[in-house]
Amino acid sequence: QVQLVESGGGLVQPGGSLNLSCAASGSIFSINTMNWYRQAPGKQRELVSGITSGRSTNYADSVKGRFTISRDNAKNTVYLQMNSLKPEATAVYYCHADIRVTVFVRRDYWGLGTQVTVSS
């Protein structure tokens, strides 16, 4: 059984910063891509950023230059440093990972999400 647990969400003023973490635990052979998605009220879930096992990264245009994704492979953890936050960043942020539980079995896993609210 594999679990993804997010942390680091909260309430922050516009222009502020938050650092999200997502730790994977359980029966893990290896982790491929790890991603952060978000879903605002009334909107579809969207990809915010992703990072491969080789640390290649990609970002949504709306967050480029302000958000930074990183990972610690030894800790099976992915981070999302969010700076210069805007009210439109308010959403539930979800961690997603593409995980091999054995050398032959590869599955997608999701965390339960962490709320980020940007408001004065």
C-alpha atoms as a PDB file:
ATOM      1  CA  GLN A   1       0.000   0.000   0.000  1.00  0.00           C
ATOM      2  CA  VAL A   2       1.304   3.443  -0.950  1.00  0.00           C
ATOM      3  CA  GLN A   3       0.271   6.759   0.579  1.00  0.00           C
ATOM      4  CA  LEU A   4       0.965  10.343  -0.434  1.00  0.00           C
ATOM      5  CA  VAL A   5       0.628  12.896   2.343  1.00  0.00           C
ATOM      6  CA  GLU A   6       0.689  16.622   1.614  1.00  0.00           C
ATOM      7  CA  SER A   7       1.483  19.366   4.109  1.00  0.00           C
ATOM      8  CA  GLY A   8       2.277  23.057   4.194  1.00  0.00           C
ATOM      9  CA  GLY A   9      -0.964  24.612   3.032  1.00  0.00           C
ATOM     10  CA  GLY A  10      -2.647  27.475   4.820  1.00  0.00           C
ATOM     11  CA  LEU A  11      -3.768  31.081   4.663  1.00  0.00           C
ATOM     12  CA  VAL A  12      -1.347  33.648   3.274  1.00  0.00           C
ATOM     13  CA  GLN A  13      -1.644  37.260   2.167  1.00  0.00           C
ATOM     14  CA  PRO A  14      -1.172  38.234  -1.479  1.00  0.00           C
ATOM     15  CA  GLY A  15       2.522  38.459  -2.251  1.00  0.00           C
ATOM     16  CA  GLY A  16       3.366  35.928   0.427  1.00  0.00           C
ATOM     17  CA  SER A  17       4.980  32.502   0.202  1.00  0.00           C
ATOM     18  CA  LEU A  18       4.191  28.915   1.113  1.00  0.00           C
ATOM     19  CA  ASN A  19       6.181  25.713   0.772  1.00  0.00           C
ATOM     20  CA  LEU A  20       4.191  22.548   0.160  1.00  0.00           C
ATOM     21  CA  SER A  21       5.564  19.078   0.820  1.00  0.00           C
ATOM     22  CA  CYS A  22       4.363  15.663  -0.262  1.00  0.00           C
ATOM     23  CA  ALA A  23       5.867  12.498   1.167  1.00  0.00           C
ATOM     24  CA  ALA A  24       5.298   9.083  -0.368  1.00  0.00           C
ATOM     25  CA  SER A  25       5.425   6.041   1.872  1.00  0.00           C
ATOM     26  CA  GLY A  26       4.696   2.338   1.684  1.00  0.00           C
ATOM     27  CA  SER A  27       5.740  -0.397  -0.680  1.00  0.00           C
ATOM     28  CA  ILE A  28       7.723   1.596  -3.248  1.00  0.00           C
ATOM     29  CA  PHE A  29      10.199   0.193  -5.749  1.00  0.00           C
ATOM     30  CA  SER A  30      10.853   3.531  -7.471  1.00  0.00           C
ATOM     31  CA  ILE A  31       9.128   6.830  -8.178  1.00  0.00           C
ATOM     32  CA  ASN A  32       8.975   8.299 -11.664  1.00  0.00           C
ATOM     33  CA  THR A  33       7.324  11.674 -12.184  1.00  0.00           C
ATOM     34  CA  MET A  34       5.908  13.590  -9.217  1.00  0.00           C
ATOM     35  CA  ASN A  35       3.413  16.376  -9.869  1.00  0.00           C
ATOM     36  CA  TRP A  36       1.425  19.082  -8.152  1.00  0.00           C
ATOM     37  CA  TYR A  37      -2.118  19.750  -9.338  1.00  0.00           C
ATOM     38  CA  ARG A  38      -4.649  22.220  -8.018  1.00  0.00           C
ATOM     39  CA  GLN A  39      -8.390  22.585  -8.127  1.00  0.00           C
ATOM     40  CA  ALA A  40     -10.153  25.843  -7.400  1.00  0.00           C
ATOM     41  CA  PRO A  41     -13.865  25.945  -6.528  1.00  0.00           C
ATOM     42  CA  GLY A  42     -15.968  25.411  -9.624  1.00  0.00           C
ATOM     43  CA  LYS A  43     -12.959  24.709 -11.825  1.00  0.00           C
ATOM     44  CA  GLN A  44     -11.264  21.649 -13.242  1.00  0.00           C
ATOM     45  CA  ARG A  45      -8.143  20.215 -11.692  1.00  0.00           C
ATOM     46  CA  GLU A  46      -5.073  21.577 -13.447  1.00  0.00           C
ATOM     47  CA  LEU A  47      -1.405  20.653 -13.541  1.00  0.00           C
ATOM     48  CA  VAL A  48       0.736  23.205 -11.730  1.00  0.00           C
ATOM     49  CA  SER A  49       4.167  21.622 -11.977  1.00  0.00           C
ATOM     50  CA  GLY A  50       5.943  18.312 -12.429  1.00  0.00           C
ATOM     51  CA  ILE A  51       9.392  16.846 -11.883  1.00  0.00           C
ATOM     52  CA  THR A  52      10.901  13.650 -13.233  1.00  0.00           C
ATOM     53  CA  SER A  53      13.183  11.268 -11.380  1.00  0.00           C
ATOM     54  CA  GLY A  54      16.033  12.959 -13.236  1.00  0.00           C
ATOM     55  CA  ARG A  55      14.803  16.324 -11.962  1.00  0.00           C
ATOM     56  CA  SER A  56      13.558  17.719 -15.263  1.00  0.00           C
ATOM     57  CA  THR A  57      10.781  20.165 -14.459  1.00  0.00           C
ATOM     58  CA  ASN A  58       7.778  21.748 -16.101  1.00  0.00           C
ATOM     59  CA  TYR A  59       5.445  24.524 -14.975  1.00  0.00           C
ATOM     60  CA  ALA A  60       2.082  25.962 -15.910  1.00  0.00           C
ATOM     61  CA  ASP A  61       2.513  29.342 -17.592  1.00  0.00           C
ATOM     62  CA  SER A  62       0.589  30.998 -14.764  1.00  0.00           C
ATOM     63  CA  VAL A  63       3.215  30.050 -12.160  1.00  0.00           C
ATOM     64  CA  LYS A  64       6.487  30.231 -14.117  1.00  0.00           C
ATOM     65  CA  GLY A  65       9.074  32.333 -12.347  1.00  0.00           C
ATOM     66  CA  ARG A  66       7.195  32.282  -9.032  1.00  0.00           C
ATOM     67  CA  PHE A  67       6.876  28.576  -8.145  1.00  0.00           C
ATOM     68  CA  THR A  68       9.753  26.102  -7.837  1.00  0.00           C
ATOM     69  CA  ILE A  69       9.364  22.332  -7.693  1.00  0.00           C
ATOM     70  CA  SER A  70      12.042  20.083  -6.232  1.00  0.00           C
ATOM     71  CA  ARG A  71      12.357  16.564  -4.879  1.00  0.00           C
ATOM     72  CA  ASP A  72      14.406  14.546  -2.432  1.00  0.00           C
ATOM     73  CA  ASN A  73      14.621  11.033  -3.849  1.00  0.00           C
ATOM     74  CA  ALA A  74      16.099   9.635  -0.639  1.00  0.00           C
ATOM     75  CA  LYS A  75      13.015  10.815   1.264  1.00  0.00           C
ATOM     76  CA  ASN A  76      10.491  10.099  -1.532  1.00  0.00           C
ATOM     77  CA  THR A  77       9.346  13.690  -1.107  1.00  0.00           C
ATOM     78  CA  VAL A  78       8.409  16.450  -3.525  1.00  0.00           C
ATOM     79  CA  TYR A  79       8.223  20.135  -2.639  1.00  0.00           C
ATOM     80  CA  LEU A  80       6.558  23.160  -4.169  1.00  0.00           C
ATOM     81  CA  GLN A  81       7.921  26.545  -3.144  1.00  0.00           C
ATOM     82  CA  MET A  82       5.317  29.155  -3.987  1.00  0.00           C
ATOM     83  CA  ASN A  83       6.339  32.811  -3.972  1.00  0.00           C
ATOM     84  CA  SER A  84       4.530  36.031  -4.878  1.00  0.00           C
ATOM     85  CA  LEU A  85       1.224  34.325  -4.359  1.00  0.00           C
ATOM     86  CA  LYS A  86      -1.882  35.786  -5.953  1.00  0.00           C
ATOM     87  CA  PRO A  87      -5.529  35.346  -4.888  1.00  0.00           C
ATOM     88  CA  GLU A  88      -6.151  33.223  -7.996  1.00  0.00           C
ATOM     89  CA  ALA A  89      -3.786  30.615  -6.554  1.00  0.00           C
ATOM     90  CA  THR A  90      -6.440  29.775  -3.968  1.00  0.00           C
ATOM     91  CA  ALA A  91      -7.238  26.096  -4.424  1.00  0.00           C
ATOM     92  CA  VAL A  92      -6.788  22.626  -3.026  1.00  0.00           C
ATOM     93  CA  TYR A  93      -3.340  21.420  -4.050  1.00  0.00           C
ATOM     94  CA  TYR A  94      -2.928  17.728  -4.781  1.00  0.00           C
ATOM     95  CA  CYS A  95       0.210  15.654  -5.032  1.00  0.00           C
ATOM     96  CA  HIS A  96       0.361  12.987  -7.730  1.00  0.00           C
ATOM     97  CA  ALA A  97       3.054  10.387  -8.312  1.00  0.00           C
ATOM     98  CA  ASP A  98       3.772   7.728 -10.910  1.00  0.00           C
ATOM     99  CA  ILE A  99       5.154   4.888  -8.796  1.00  0.00           C
ATOM    100  CA  ARG A 100       6.546   1.462  -9.474  1.00  0.00           C
ATOM    101  CA  VAL A 101       5.475  -0.782  -6.603  1.00  0.00           C
ATOM    102  CA  THR A 102       7.454  -3.622  -8.159  1.00  0.00           C
ATOM    103  CA  VAL A 103       9.746  -3.712 -11.184  1.00  0.00           C
ATOM    104  CA  PHE A 104       6.739  -4.819 -13.285  1.00  0.00           C
ATOM    105  CA  VAL A 105       3.841  -2.871 -11.705  1.00  0.00           C
ATOM    106  CA  ARG A 106       3.410   0.877 -12.192  1.00  0.00           C
ATOM    107  CA  ARG A 107       0.487   2.866 -10.755  1.00  0.00           C
ATOM    108  CA  ASP A 108      -0.756   6.424 -10.238  1.00  0.00           C
ATOM    109  CA  TYR A 109      -1.283   7.679  -6.701  1.00  0.00           C
ATOM    110  CA  TRP A 110      -2.911  10.837  -5.347  1.00  0.00           C
ATOM    111  CA  GLY A 111      -2.781  12.598  -2.021  1.00  0.00           C
ATOM    112  CA  LEU A 112      -5.864  13.915  -0.273  1.00  0.00           C
ATOM    113  CA  GLY A 113      -4.916  17.537  -0.899  1.00  0.00           C
ATOM    114  CA  THR A 114      -3.964  20.588   1.109  1.00  0.00           C
ATOM    115  CA  GLN A 115      -5.860  23.876   1.069  1.00  0.00           C
ATOM    116  CA  VAL A 116      -4.058  27.037  -0.004  1.00  0.00           C
ATOM    117  CA  THR A 117      -5.916  30.302   0.497  1.00  0.00           C
ATOM    118  CA  VAL A 118      -4.458  33.613  -0.667  1.00  0.00           C
ATOM    119  CA  SER A 119      -6.409  36.479   0.820  1.00  0.00           C
ATOM    120  CA  SER A 120      -5.951  39.733   2.675  1.00  0.00           C
END
